[in-house]
Amino acid sequence: MFDQREKLALFIDGANLYATSKNLGFDIDYKKMLTWFQRQSYVLRAYYYTALIEDNEYSSIRPLIDWLDYNGYRVVTKPAKEFTDQSGRRKVKGNMDIELAIDAMELVETVDHFVLFSGDGDFRSLVEALQRKGRKVSVVSTLSSSPPMISDDLRRQADHFIDIVTLKGDIGRNPAEREARNPRRNEVEDDDDY
């Protein structure tokens, strides 16, 4: 699936990957993940996209964002939007799809193989556009949850589908570390359908 001669770029939809790993009961070790992909191919870029709640004095995701920024990832953020839903509940929404798609298209002449960490069906058109430019696209998500965290259209469009469960041993955080960490961080929902 991966070729050492390829230039690879990772595009991580932070909220989607967080929801997927949480649903499967394991945490991602981002250092191990980057190292694993660097062994597969030449990683040109690794992007992480997430929306941040700016009115909080302390954001539980801030330590992760800072760590990623200093350890080989390009972090792309924007402020999350707050709203009240029809039942009067406060909701926070942050969708990074456009930012991710623009960055991917800007690299289409440089990158041979795109790895998208998301199950969001809205990315099907991006995958198709990258393929029209002669690029390979692998999508990392899961069919192992109920319901599956990946859109069927996105999975079918990708050149390769990688169920993140198969990578758990290579990129998952040691369960003992998970129990030691407190409090848990929360990603901002992007409220998209899968």
Protein backbone atom coordinates (compact mmCIF):
# COMPACT_ATOMS: atom_id res chain seq x y z
CA MET A 1 0.00 0.00 0.00
CA PHE A 2 2.86 2.41 0.83
CA ASP A 3 6.00 2.84 -1.24
CA GLN A 4 9.26 4.16 0.26
CA ARG A 5 9.75 6.32 -2.84
CA GLU A 6 6.45 8.16 -2.32
CA LYS A 7 6.11 11.55 -0.72
CA LEU A 8 3.38 11.15 1.86
CA ALA A 9 1.20 13.72 3.63
CA LEU A 10 -1.03 13.05 6.63
CA PHE A 11 -4.24 15.05 7.01
CA ILE A 12 -5.86 14.53 10.41
CA ASP A 13 -9.42 15.70 11.08
CA GLY A 14 -8.82 16.05 14.84
CA ALA A 15 -12.43 15.94 16.00
CA ASN A 16 -13.22 12.96 13.79
CA LEU A 17 -10.12 10.99 14.82
CA TYR A 18 -10.75 11.75 18.49
CA ALA A 19 -14.37 10.53 18.22
CA THR A 20 -13.24 7.38 16.40
CA SER A 21 -10.53 6.43 18.88
CA LYS A 22 -12.79 7.26 21.84
CA ASN A 23 -15.53 5.06 20.35
CA LEU A 24 -13.00 2.22 20.02
CA GLY A 25 -11.64 2.75 23.54
CA PHE A 26 -8.05 3.70 22.82
CA ASP A 27 -5.95 6.85 22.58
CA ILE A 28 -3.64 7.76 19.75
CA ASP A 29 0.05 8.14 20.51
CA TYR A 30 0.91 10.83 17.95
CA LYS A 31 4.65 10.31 18.28
CA LYS A 32 4.28 6.59 17.54
CA MET A 33 1.89 7.37 14.70
CA LEU A 34 4.28 9.77 12.97
CA THR A 35 7.17 7.32 13.44
CA TRP A 36 5.10 4.45 12.01
CA PHE A 37 4.26 6.41 8.86
CA GLN A 38 7.87 7.60 8.51
CA ARG A 39 8.91 3.93 8.38
CA GLN A 40 6.40 3.33 5.57
CA SER A 41 7.33 6.23 3.34
CA TYR A 42 8.82 9.73 3.23
CA VAL A 43 6.44 11.91 5.26
CA LEU A 44 6.59 15.37 3.73
CA ARG A 45 3.91 16.91 5.98
CA ALA A 46 1.62 15.91 8.84
CA TYR A 47 -1.31 18.26 9.44
CA TYR A 48 -3.68 18.25 12.42
CA TYR A 49 -6.94 20.25 12.15
CA THR A 50 -9.11 21.27 15.07
CA ALA A 51 -11.37 24.09 16.22
CA LEU A 52 -10.72 25.67 19.61
CA ILE A 53 -13.11 27.20 22.14
CA GLU A 54 -11.57 30.59 22.80
CA ASP A 55 -13.67 31.81 25.73
CA ASN A 56 -12.25 29.19 28.11
CA GLU A 57 -9.27 30.17 30.22
CA TYR A 58 -7.96 26.63 29.89
CA SER A 59 -8.67 24.44 26.91
CA SER A 60 -8.14 20.75 27.63
CA ILE A 61 -6.89 20.24 24.08
CA ARG A 62 -4.22 22.98 24.34
CA PRO A 63 -1.44 20.67 25.69
CA LEU A 64 -1.98 18.29 22.75
CA ILE A 65 -1.96 21.16 20.23
CA ASP A 66 1.24 22.56 21.70
CA TRP A 67 2.91 19.15 21.75
CA LEU A 68 1.94 18.42 18.13
CA ASP A 69 3.18 21.85 17.03
CA TYR A 70 6.63 21.19 18.53
CA ASN A 71 6.89 17.57 17.36
CA GLY A 72 6.57 17.47 13.60
CA TYR A 73 2.93 18.33 12.99
CA ARG A 74 1.52 21.44 11.38
CA VAL A 75 -1.44 22.41 13.53
CA VAL A 76 -4.29 24.29 11.88
CA THR A 77 -6.90 25.79 14.20
CA LYS A 78 -9.76 28.22 14.14
CA PRO A 79 -12.22 29.45 16.75
CA ALA A 80 -15.22 27.21 17.37
CA LYS A 81 -18.70 28.67 17.09
CA GLU A 82 -21.18 28.47 19.95
CA PHE A 83 -24.92 28.26 19.44
CA THR A 84 -28.08 27.12 21.17
CA ASP A 85 -29.94 24.23 19.54
CA GLN A 86 -33.73 23.93 19.21
CA SER A 87 -34.07 22.33 22.62
CA GLY A 88 -32.15 25.17 24.27
CA ARG A 89 -28.89 23.30 24.84
CA ARG A 90 -25.58 25.07 24.35
CA LYS A 91 -23.64 23.46 21.50
CA VAL A 92 -20.17 24.10 20.16
CA LYS A 93 -19.34 23.44 16.53
CA GLY A 94 -16.07 23.61 14.67
CA ASN A 95 -15.72 22.33 11.14
CA MET A 96 -12.28 22.28 9.53
CA ASP A 97 -13.23 20.58 6.23
CA ILE A 98 -12.54 23.59 3.99
CA GLU A 99 -9.14 24.29 5.53
CA LEU A 100 -8.11 20.66 5.13
CA ALA A 101 -9.34 20.48 1.53
CA ILE A 102 -7.55 23.68 0.50
CA ASP A 103 -4.27 22.55 2.06
CA ALA A 104 -4.51 19.18 0.32
CA MET A 105 -5.19 20.75 -3.09
CA GLU A 106 -2.27 23.16 -2.63
CA LEU A 107 0.06 20.16 -2.18
CA VAL A 108 -1.30 18.07 -5.05
CA GLU A 109 1.72 18.76 -7.27
CA THR A 110 4.18 17.79 -4.50
CA VAL A 111 2.61 14.84 -2.66
CA ASP A 112 2.26 11.35 -4.16
CA HIS A 113 0.08 9.76 -1.50
CA PHE A 114 -2.42 11.47 0.82
CA VAL A 115 -3.49 9.80 4.06
CA LEU A 116 -6.75 11.21 5.38
CA PHE A 117 -7.73 10.47 8.98
CA SER A 118 -11.48 11.00 8.81
CA GLY A 119 -14.67 9.13 8.07
CA ASP A 120 -16.56 12.27 7.07
CA GLY A 121 -18.39 11.68 3.78
CA ASP A 122 -17.94 15.35 2.86
CA PHE A 123 -14.34 14.47 1.94
CA ARG A 124 -15.39 12.14 -0.89
CA SER A 125 -15.20 15.00 -3.41
CA LEU A 126 -11.71 15.95 -2.20
CA VAL A 127 -10.52 12.35 -2.54
CA GLU A 128 -11.94 12.21 -6.07
CA ALA A 129 -10.25 15.52 -7.01
CA LEU A 130 -6.88 14.30 -5.71
CA GLN A 131 -7.27 11.06 -7.66
CA ARG A 132 -8.07 12.99 -10.86
CA LYS A 133 -4.67 14.64 -10.39
CA GLY A 134 -3.07 11.17 -10.31
CA ARG A 135 -2.58 10.94 -6.55
CA LYS A 136 -3.22 7.97 -4.27
CA VAL A 137 -5.47 8.50 -1.27
CA SER A 138 -5.72 6.25 1.78
CA VAL A 139 -8.48 6.87 4.31
CA VAL A 140 -8.04 5.88 7.95
CA SER A 141 -11.21 5.39 10.02
CA THR A 142 -13.18 2.38 11.22
CA LEU A 143 -15.91 -0.06 10.34
CA SER A 144 -15.42 -1.72 13.74
CA SER A 145 -17.71 0.61 15.67
CA SER A 146 -21.47 0.56 15.76
CA PRO A 147 -22.44 2.48 13.75
CA PRO A 148 -19.29 2.61 11.58
CA MET A 149 -17.39 5.90 11.83
CA ILE A 150 -16.77 6.06 8.08
CA SER A 151 -19.09 7.07 5.30
CA ASP A 152 -19.59 4.25 2.80
CA ASP A 153 -19.10 6.70 -0.11
CA LEU A 154 -15.75 7.88 1.26
CA ARG A 155 -14.54 4.33 1.88
CA ARG A 156 -15.45 3.28 -1.66
CA GLN A 157 -13.81 6.35 -3.22
CA ALA A 158 -10.46 5.88 -1.46
CA ASP A 159 -7.68 3.91 -3.11
CA HIS A 160 -7.07 2.20 0.23
CA PHE A 161 -9.16 2.00 3.38
CA ILE A 162 -7.25 1.38 6.60
CA ASP A 163 -9.32 0.39 9.60
CA ILE A 164 -7.63 2.15 12.50
CA VAL A 165 -8.19 -0.97 14.61
CA THR A 166 -5.47 -2.68 12.53
CA LEU A 167 -3.04 0.11 13.54
CA LYS A 168 -3.91 0.08 17.24
CA GLY A 169 -0.78 -1.83 18.24
CA ASP A 170 1.43 0.51 16.19
CA ILE A 171 -0.11 3.90 17.02
CA GLY A 172 -2.14 3.36 20.19
CA ARG A 173 -1.11 4.75 23.55
CA ASN A 174 -0.32 2.23 26.26
CA PRO A 175 -3.55 1.71 28.31
CA ALA A 176 -1.61 2.34 31.56
CA GLU A 177 -0.75 5.84 30.29
CA ARG A 178 -4.42 6.49 29.54
CA GLU A 179 -5.45 5.79 33.12
CA ALA A 180 -2.68 8.04 34.45
CA ARG A 181 -3.83 11.03 32.39
CA ASN A 182 -6.51 13.19 33.96
CA PRO A 183 -8.56 15.18 33.07
CA ARG A 184 -9.58 13.91 29.65
CA ARG A 185 -9.35 16.31 26.76
CA ASN A 186 -12.38 16.93 24.61
CA GLU A 187 -12.45 17.78 20.95
CA VAL A 188 -14.94 20.23 19.54
CA GLU A 189 -17.69 18.45 17.61
CA ASP A 190 -17.94 19.16 13.94
CA ASP A 191 -21.54 17.84 13.82
CA ASP A 192 -21.10 16.31 10.37
CA ASP A 193 -22.72 13.08 9.32
CA TYR A 194 -20.50 10.13 8.46
